[in-house]
Amino acid sequence: MLEPSLPLERNAEYHVDAALDADARRRRWRAAARGLAAAVGILVAALTYRIGMTTPQVADPIVGQAYNEINGWATATMVPASSYGPAIGSRCGVYYFTHHPMLAAYVAALAQRLGVLPQAMIVLGVALATALLLVQLAWRTPWGALMVASSITGALLYAPGYWSWLQHPIGHTWSVAAFYVLASAAMLARPVLPLALASFVAGWISIDATFVFAAIVAGTLFAVHGVSRTTWLAALAAIAGFVLANALHVFQIWCHYEWQWSEVMRDYFVTETGDTSLAYRVGAIGLAERWAYVAQWVPAYAREAVLGERVHWSDPAFWAIAGLALALQPATLWGRVGVVALLAGMSSTAFFAPGLMPMHLHYLPRYVLLAPIGMLIVMAASLPPKPK
C-alpha cells in the first residue's frame, strides 16, 4: 500500500527543490543588481571628485575672501575681513561671513594646516555624500539608485550650476552634500538620531538652504515612513539638530563681538545696512505679500535655472536626462506624497524668506537643479527594499 505513494513524495520533493532553486536564483540576481548599482554609485562619486578637481569653478569674490581667511587660519596670521565681517581677524572662528555657518571653511583650514589641498577636501566631501546616498539606494532599490545616479551624472556633465560649484568653502557647495546626507538619514528604518546628527551638520553648512533641507527631509520621511510616529519624531529631531547648530553659530558670533550682544543683534538679526540681516530676509510683510512673492519668484527661479538669462546654470540635456529618469522611476502613493512635500518645501523659501529672492538670482537658482534629483530620491526611497 505504501509503494504508490513514493512517486508522489518524489514529485513533491522535486517541486520543493525547484522552488528553492528559483528562490536562490532570485537572491543571486538581487545581489548582482545591488552590487552593480552600488558600483555605478561609486563611479558617479569618483566622477564627482574628478570633475570637481579638473574643471573651472565659479570665480566668486566671497570665495576669494574665504580662502584668504582660511590661509590666515592655517598660517596663524590675521587677515583683513570683507564687508560681511569686522575689520580684523577673530579668535572665535571663521568670521568673514558672519551670517553663515562655515563648516567647509573649517575643514579647508584644517586641510591646509595639514598640508592637504583644501579644495580636494571640499570636493571629497561632496563625493562621499554622493557615494553614501547611491550605495544606500542600491541596496534598497537598484533601479531607483540607477535613476538617481543618471540624474546626478547629467548634472555633472550638463549643469554648470552643479559642476562649477564643487570646491568652494561656502554653503553653496556643501549644501548639495547635506541634501544627500539628510536624505540618507531620513530613509533609515530608525531615522531619529541619525537625522538629528545630519541636521546638526547641515545647520553648520548653510542657512540660505534651510527650506531646501527641510524639503528633502519631509519628502523622504513621508515616502519611507508615511504619517507615522517615526516621521514626526524624526522631523522634531531634525529641527532640534538644525536649531542647535545655528544657536551655536550665534554664540560664536557673540564671542566674535567680544560678548557684546547689541553687536550680534545689529550684525546678525537686524543689520543697519539692511540686506544681510535675518530680519530683512524673513521680511515684515503680510500673508498676501508673501503669496505674491511665491507667485512671482518661484517661476522666476525655475525659468532662470532652465534658460539661464543671467547665469548659465544648465543645458537642455540635463533636463532631458532628469525627465526621462522621472518617467521611468516608479513610486508608491507615499512616494508621490513625498514629492509634493519636497516641491512645496523648496518653494516655501519664497514664502518664509522673501528677502532672499530678489537679491540672489546669481546664487540660488542652482538649487532648482536639485528639484528633479530630489524627486527621484524620494520616489526611489518610497519603494520598500526586497528581502536579501
Protein backbone atom coordinates (compact mmCIF):
# COMPACT_ATOMS: atom_id res chain seq x y z
CA MET A 1 0.00 0.00 0.00
CA LEU A 2 2.99 2.33 0.55
CA GLU A 3 4.63 1.89 -2.85
CA PRO A 4 2.22 4.04 -4.92
CA SER A 5 2.91 7.00 -2.65
CA LEU A 6 6.64 7.06 -3.44
CA PRO A 7 6.29 8.80 -6.84
CA LEU A 8 4.07 11.41 -5.19
CA GLU A 9 6.68 12.02 -2.49
CA ARG A 10 9.44 12.29 -5.07
CA ASN A 11 7.30 14.69 -7.09
CA ALA A 12 6.69 16.83 -4.01
CA GLU A 13 10.41 16.84 -3.23
CA TYR A 14 11.14 17.84 -6.81
CA HIS A 15 8.80 20.84 -6.57
CA VAL A 16 10.29 21.88 -3.24
CA ASP A 17 13.79 21.65 -4.68
CA ALA A 18 12.73 23.61 -7.77
CA ALA A 19 11.19 26.33 -5.60
CA LEU A 20 14.37 26.54 -3.51
CA ASP A 21 16.50 26.77 -6.66
CA ALA A 22 14.28 29.52 -8.07
CA ASP A 23 14.49 31.43 -4.77
CA ALA A 24 18.27 31.05 -4.76
CA ARG A 25 18.45 32.36 -8.33
CA ARG A 26 16.30 35.39 -7.37
CA ARG A 27 18.57 36.09 -4.43
CA ARG A 28 21.63 35.92 -6.66
CA TRP A 29 20.02 38.25 -9.20
CA ARG A 30 19.08 40.72 -6.44
CA ALA A 31 22.60 40.60 -5.03
CA ALA A 32 24.07 41.14 -8.50
CA ALA A 33 21.69 44.05 -9.18
CA ARG A 34 22.57 45.65 -5.86
CA GLY A 35 26.28 45.19 -6.49
CA LEU A 36 26.02 46.68 -9.97
CA ALA A 37 24.00 49.69 -8.76
CA ALA A 38 26.42 50.24 -5.88
CA ALA A 39 29.37 50.10 -8.29
CA VAL A 40 27.68 52.68 -10.51
CA GLY A 41 27.12 54.87 -7.45
CA ILE A 42 30.80 54.71 -6.52
CA LEU A 43 31.74 55.55 -10.12
CA VAL A 44 29.45 58.60 -10.02
CA ALA A 45 31.09 59.68 -6.77
CA ALA A 46 34.52 59.24 -8.38
CA LEU A 47 33.33 61.27 -11.37
CA THR A 48 32.17 63.98 -8.95
CA TYR A 49 35.65 64.18 -7.48
CA ARG A 50 37.31 64.12 -10.88
CA ILE A 51 35.16 66.87 -12.33
CA GLY A 52 35.38 68.97 -9.18
CA MET A 53 39.17 68.88 -9.29
CA THR A 54 39.70 69.33 -13.04
CA THR A 55 37.03 71.75 -14.30
CA PRO A 56 36.99 75.55 -13.93
CA GLN A 57 34.97 76.62 -10.90
CA VAL A 58 32.88 79.77 -10.49
CA ALA A 59 35.03 82.80 -9.72
CA ASP A 60 33.27 84.33 -6.74
CA PRO A 61 34.59 87.25 -4.63
CA ILE A 62 33.21 85.76 -1.41
CA VAL A 63 35.05 82.52 -2.16
CA GLY A 64 38.26 84.50 -2.69
CA GLN A 65 37.86 86.19 0.69
CA ALA A 66 37.08 82.82 2.28
CA TYR A 67 40.29 81.27 1.04
CA ASN A 68 42.15 84.39 2.14
CA GLU A 69 40.99 83.81 5.69
CA ILE A 70 41.46 80.05 5.50
CA ASN A 71 45.08 80.74 4.60
CA GLY A 72 45.28 83.11 7.57
CA TRP A 73 44.00 80.46 9.94
CA ALA A 74 46.31 77.81 8.51
CA THR A 75 49.37 80.05 8.85
CA ALA A 76 48.30 81.69 12.13
CA THR A 77 48.25 85.17 10.61
CA MET A 78 45.47 87.73 10.81
CA VAL A 79 43.86 88.94 7.61
CA PRO A 80 41.53 91.83 6.73
CA ALA A 81 37.85 90.97 6.68
CA SER A 82 35.32 91.52 3.96
CA SER A 83 32.36 93.85 4.27
CA TYR A 84 30.44 90.99 5.93
CA GLY A 85 32.67 90.84 8.99
CA PRO A 86 34.58 93.14 11.38
CA ALA A 87 37.77 94.91 10.47
CA ILE A 88 40.25 92.30 11.60
CA GLY A 89 40.51 88.59 12.30
CA SER A 90 38.72 86.80 15.11
CA ARG A 91 39.81 84.24 17.68
CA CYS A 92 36.29 82.79 17.68
CA GLY A 93 36.23 81.17 14.26
CA VAL A 94 35.97 81.88 10.57
CA TYR A 95 34.41 85.31 10.67
CA TYR A 96 34.43 86.70 7.14
CA PHE A 97 30.79 85.88 6.51
CA THR A 98 29.16 86.03 9.93
CA HIS A 99 25.66 85.38 8.62
CA HIS A 100 26.51 81.84 7.55
CA PRO A 101 27.94 78.85 9.41
CA MET A 102 31.07 77.72 7.58
CA LEU A 103 31.80 74.04 8.23
CA ALA A 104 33.50 73.62 4.86
CA ALA A 105 35.80 76.55 5.61
CA TYR A 106 36.95 74.94 8.86
CA VAL A 107 37.62 71.66 7.06
CA ALA A 108 39.56 73.56 4.39
CA ALA A 109 41.62 75.39 7.03
CA LEU A 110 42.45 72.12 8.79
CA ALA A 111 43.38 70.51 5.48
CA GLN A 112 45.73 73.36 4.60
CA ARG A 113 47.28 73.22 8.04
CA LEU A 114 47.95 69.51 7.48
CA GLY A 115 49.45 70.15 4.05
CA VAL A 116 46.46 68.86 2.10
CA LEU A 117 44.92 70.83 -0.76
CA PRO A 118 41.79 72.47 0.76
CA GLN A 119 39.81 72.24 -2.47
CA ALA A 120 40.44 68.50 -2.58
CA MET A 121 38.88 68.02 0.86
CA ILE A 122 35.79 70.03 -0.07
CA VAL A 123 35.22 68.14 -3.32
CA LEU A 124 35.82 64.89 -1.44
CA GLY A 125 33.02 65.80 0.94
CA VAL A 126 30.54 66.09 -1.93
CA ALA A 127 31.81 62.86 -3.50
CA LEU A 128 31.49 60.90 -0.25
CA ALA A 129 27.95 62.16 0.34
CA THR A 130 27.07 61.13 -3.22
CA ALA A 131 28.51 57.66 -2.67
CA LEU A 132 26.66 57.24 0.63
CA LEU A 133 23.31 58.11 -0.94
CA LEU A 134 23.71 55.98 -4.06
CA VAL A 135 25.08 52.89 -2.28
CA GLN A 136 22.25 53.09 0.26
CA LEU A 137 19.70 53.36 -2.53
CA ALA A 138 21.39 50.48 -4.37
CA TRP A 139 20.60 48.15 -1.50
CA ARG A 140 17.04 49.46 -1.24
CA THR A 141 16.14 49.65 -4.93
CA PRO A 142 18.85 49.11 -7.57
CA TRP A 143 16.72 50.58 -10.32
CA GLY A 144 15.98 53.69 -8.29
CA ALA A 145 19.68 54.08 -7.48
CA LEU A 146 20.49 53.96 -11.20
CA MET A 147 17.86 56.60 -11.96
CA VAL A 148 19.22 58.93 -9.27
CA ALA A 149 22.77 58.23 -10.47
CA SER A 150 21.76 59.13 -14.03
CA SER A 151 20.35 62.49 -12.93
CA ILE A 152 23.46 63.33 -10.89
CA THR A 153 25.65 62.32 -13.83
CA GLY A 154 23.56 64.58 -16.05
CA ALA A 155 24.18 67.43 -13.60
CA LEU A 156 27.92 66.71 -13.58
CA LEU A 157 28.07 66.81 -17.38
CA TYR A 158 25.39 69.30 -18.40
CA ALA A 159 24.68 71.64 -15.48
CA PRO A 160 27.36 74.25 -14.73
CA GLY A 161 25.27 75.32 -11.74
CA TYR A 162 26.19 71.94 -10.27
CA TRP A 163 29.67 71.05 -11.52
CA SER A 164 31.23 74.53 -11.23
CA TRP A 165 30.40 74.80 -7.51
CA LEU A 166 32.11 71.68 -6.20
CA GLN A 167 35.15 73.08 -4.35
CA HIS A 168 34.06 76.31 -2.64
CA PRO A 169 34.34 76.68 1.16
CA ILE A 170 30.92 78.31 1.42
CA GLY A 171 27.49 76.82 1.95
CA HIS A 172 26.56 76.67 -1.72
CA THR A 173 28.96 73.75 -2.25
CA TRP A 174 28.41 71.52 0.76
CA SER A 175 24.67 72.22 0.76
CA VAL A 176 24.49 69.59 -2.00
CA ALA A 177 26.35 67.13 0.24
CA ALA A 178 24.00 67.97 3.12
CA PHE A 179 20.99 67.41 0.84
CA TYR A 180 22.19 63.88 0.08
CA VAL A 181 23.16 63.03 3.67
CA LEU A 182 19.81 64.24 5.01
CA ALA A 183 18.00 62.00 2.51
CA SER A 184 20.21 59.06 3.51
CA ALA A 185 19.43 59.56 7.19
CA ALA A 186 15.70 60.03 6.62
CA MET A 187 15.29 56.74 4.74
CA LEU A 188 16.79 54.63 7.53
CA ALA A 189 14.49 52.29 9.43
CA ARG A 190 15.37 54.17 12.64
CA PRO A 191 16.00 57.72 11.43
CA VAL A 192 15.58 59.79 14.61
CA LEU A 193 19.15 60.01 15.94
CA PRO A 194 20.91 59.86 12.54
CA LEU A 195 18.66 62.64 11.25
CA ALA A 196 19.30 64.79 14.32
CA LEU A 197 23.05 64.45 13.69
CA ALA A 198 22.75 65.04 9.95
CA SER A 199 20.62 68.14 10.54
CA PHE A 200 23.14 69.46 13.06
CA VAL A 201 25.85 69.13 10.42
CA ALA A 202 23.59 70.74 7.80
CA GLY A 203 23.00 73.61 10.20
CA TRP A 204 26.74 74.29 10.16
CA ILE A 205 26.76 74.38 6.36
CA SER A 206 24.05 76.77 5.18
CA ILE A 207 21.18 78.88 6.43
CA ASP A 208 20.12 80.03 2.96
CA ALA A 209 19.23 76.42 2.11
CA THR A 210 17.10 75.90 5.25
CA PHE A 211 13.90 75.15 3.36
CA VAL A 212 15.69 73.05 0.74
CA PHE A 213 16.99 70.91 3.59
CA ALA A 214 13.56 70.78 5.22
CA ALA A 215 12.05 69.76 1.88
CA ILE A 216 14.24 66.71 1.33
CA VAL A 217 13.78 65.63 4.95
CA ALA A 218 9.98 65.94 4.77
CA GLY A 219 9.76 64.33 1.34
CA THR A 220 11.90 61.34 2.27
CA LEU A 221 10.25 60.80 5.65
CA PHE A 222 6.78 60.78 4.09
CA ALA A 223 7.94 58.49 1.28
CA VAL A 224 9.55 55.92 3.58
CA HIS A 225 7.61 56.17 6.85
CA GLY A 226 4.28 57.72 5.84
CA VAL A 227 2.36 59.61 8.51
CA SER A 228 3.71 57.71 11.48
CA ARG A 229 5.15 58.32 14.91
CA THR A 230 8.58 57.74 13.41
CA THR A 231 8.04 60.54 10.89
CA TRP A 232 7.06 63.11 13.50
CA LEU A 233 9.79 62.14 15.96
CA ALA A 234 12.40 62.25 13.20
CA ALA A 235 11.11 65.63 11.99
CA LEU A 236 11.34 67.06 15.51
CA ALA A 237 14.85 65.63 15.88
CA ALA A 238 15.87 67.23 12.58
CA ILE A 239 14.52 70.61 13.69
CA ALA A 240 16.29 70.31 17.05
CA GLY A 241 19.63 69.46 15.44
CA PHE A 242 19.39 72.31 12.94
CA VAL A 243 18.33 74.88 15.54
CA LEU A 244 21.11 73.80 17.90
CA ALA A 245 23.73 74.25 15.18
CA ASN A 246 22.50 77.74 14.38
CA ALA A 247 22.28 78.65 18.06
CA LEU A 248 25.93 77.64 18.49
CA HIS A 249 26.80 79.73 15.45
CA VAL A 250 25.09 82.75 17.03
CA PHE A 251 27.08 82.01 20.21
CA GLN A 252 30.22 82.06 18.08
CA ILE A 253 29.26 85.45 16.66
CA TRP A 254 28.66 86.69 20.21
CA CYS A 255 32.18 85.57 21.13
CA HIS A 256 33.47 87.18 17.97
CA TYR A 257 32.00 90.54 19.04
CA GLU A 258 33.60 90.18 22.49
CA TRP A 259 30.30 89.32 24.20
CA GLN A 260 28.54 92.47 23.07
CA TRP A 261 25.02 91.19 22.41
CA SER A 262 23.95 94.50 20.89
CA GLU A 263 26.56 93.94 18.16
CA VAL A 264 25.15 90.48 17.48
CA MET A 265 21.66 91.97 17.15
CA ARG A 266 22.95 94.66 14.82
CA ASP A 267 25.05 92.36 12.67
CA TYR A 268 23.08 89.09 12.52
CA PHE A 269 19.47 89.84 13.33
CA VAL A 270 18.81 93.46 12.31
CA THR A 271 21.67 94.78 10.20
CA GLU A 272 21.64 98.54 9.98
CA THR A 273 22.51 98.46 6.30
CA GLY A 274 19.52 96.20 5.71
CA ASP A 275 20.09 93.47 3.17
CA THR A 276 22.12 90.88 5.10
CA SER A 277 20.17 90.50 8.32
CA LEU A 278 17.82 87.72 9.33
CA ALA A 279 15.03 90.26 9.81
CA TYR A 280 15.45 91.58 6.28
CA ARG A 281 15.38 88.10 4.77
CA VAL A 282 12.32 86.98 6.70
CA GLY A 283 10.61 90.29 5.98
CA ALA A 284 7.98 92.24 7.91
CA ILE A 285 5.22 91.68 5.35
CA GLY A 286 1.76 90.16 5.44
CA LEU A 287 0.45 86.87 4.12
CA ALA A 288 -0.88 88.34 0.88
CA GLU A 289 2.53 89.77 0.01
CA ARG A 290 4.23 86.50 0.85
CA TRP A 291 1.96 84.59 -1.50
CA ALA A 292 2.67 87.24 -4.12
CA TYR A 293 6.39 86.55 -3.67
CA VAL A 294 5.76 82.83 -4.18
CA ALA A 295 3.76 83.52 -7.34
CA GLN A 296 6.46 85.83 -8.71
CA TRP A 297 9.75 84.31 -7.65
CA VAL A 298 9.25 80.54 -7.78
CA PRO A 299 8.53 80.66 -11.56
CA ALA A 300 11.29 83.26 -11.98
CA TYR A 301 13.87 81.00 -10.34
CA ALA A 302 12.72 77.97 -12.33
CA ARG A 303 12.93 79.99 -15.56
CA GLU A 304 16.39 81.27 -14.64
CA ALA A 305 17.66 77.76 -13.83
CA VAL A 306 16.41 76.40 -17.16
CA LEU A 307 17.01 79.33 -19.52
CA GLY A 308 20.00 80.99 -17.83
CA GLU A 309 19.01 84.56 -18.60
CA ARG A 310 21.60 85.87 -16.11
CA VAL A 311 23.88 82.88 -15.41
CA HIS A 312 24.41 79.66 -17.37
CA TRP A 313 23.02 77.12 -14.90
CA SER A 314 22.12 74.17 -17.08
CA ASP A 315 21.89 72.73 -20.60
CA PRO A 316 18.77 71.11 -22.09
CA ALA A 317 20.49 67.71 -21.91
CA PHE A 318 20.34 67.79 -18.11
CA TRP A 319 16.58 68.32 -18.10
CA ALA A 320 16.11 65.64 -20.75
CA ILE A 321 18.06 63.09 -18.70
CA ALA A 322 16.28 64.02 -15.49
CA GLY A 323 12.89 64.00 -17.19
CA LEU A 324 13.47 60.56 -18.71
CA ALA A 325 14.60 59.20 -15.33
CA LEU A 326 11.47 60.61 -13.68
CA ALA A 327 9.30 58.97 -16.33
CA LEU A 328 10.98 55.59 -15.77
CA GLN A 329 11.06 55.69 -11.95
CA PRO A 330 8.11 54.02 -10.19
CA ALA A 331 6.88 55.26 -6.81
CA THR A 332 4.35 54.32 -4.18
CA LEU A 333 1.46 56.57 -3.15
CA TRP A 334 3.54 57.83 -0.23
CA GLY A 335 6.37 58.45 -2.65
CA ARG A 336 4.13 60.79 -4.62
CA VAL A 337 3.08 62.50 -1.38
CA GLY A 338 6.77 62.92 -0.61
CA VAL A 339 7.39 64.53 -3.99
CA VAL A 340 4.63 67.06 -3.31
CA ALA A 341 6.15 67.77 0.12
CA LEU A 342 9.59 68.19 -1.46
CA LEU A 343 8.44 70.68 -4.09
CA ALA A 344 6.26 72.59 -1.63
CA GLY A 345 9.14 72.77 0.83
CA MET A 346 11.62 74.06 -1.72
CA SER A 347 9.12 76.64 -2.96
CA SER A 348 8.39 77.79 0.60
CA THR A 349 11.68 79.71 0.66
CA ALA A 350 9.87 82.49 -1.20
CA PHE A 351 7.13 82.48 1.45
CA PHE A 352 9.20 82.32 4.63
CA ALA A 353 12.31 84.22 3.46
CA PRO A 354 11.11 86.53 0.69
CA GLY A 355 14.04 88.89 1.21
CA LEU A 356 16.37 86.22 -0.16
CA MET A 357 14.72 86.01 -3.54
CA PRO A 358 15.33 89.31 -5.42
CA MET A 359 18.97 89.64 -4.36
CA HIS A 360 20.15 86.08 -5.03
CA LEU A 361 19.33 85.32 -8.65
CA HIS A 362 23.08 84.94 -9.16
CA TYR A 363 23.32 82.22 -6.48
CA LEU A 364 20.14 80.42 -5.52
CA PRO A 365 18.77 79.16 -8.88
CA ARG A 366 21.32 76.34 -8.65
CA TYR A 367 19.06 74.76 -6.00
CA VAL A 368 16.39 74.34 -8.66
CA LEU A 369 18.74 71.73 -10.16
CA LEU A 370 18.25 69.67 -7.01
CA ALA A 371 14.48 69.51 -7.52
CA PRO A 372 14.44 66.65 -10.10
CA ILE A 373 17.27 64.88 -8.29
CA GLY A 374 15.36 65.18 -5.03
CA MET A 375 12.16 63.93 -6.67
CA LEU A 376 13.99 60.83 -7.88
CA ILE A 377 15.50 60.24 -4.43
CA VAL A 378 12.08 60.46 -2.78
CA MET A 379 10.40 58.23 -5.38
CA ALA A 380 13.14 55.61 -5.16
CA ALA A 381 13.17 55.67 -1.35
CA SER A 382 9.43 55.01 -1.26
CA LEU A 383 9.92 51.51 -2.66
CA PRO A 384 10.49 49.07 0.22
CA PRO A 385 13.67 47.00 0.00
CA LYS A 386 13.19 43.40 -1.10
CA PRO A 387 14.46 40.54 1.05
CA LYS A 388 18.09 39.60 0.65
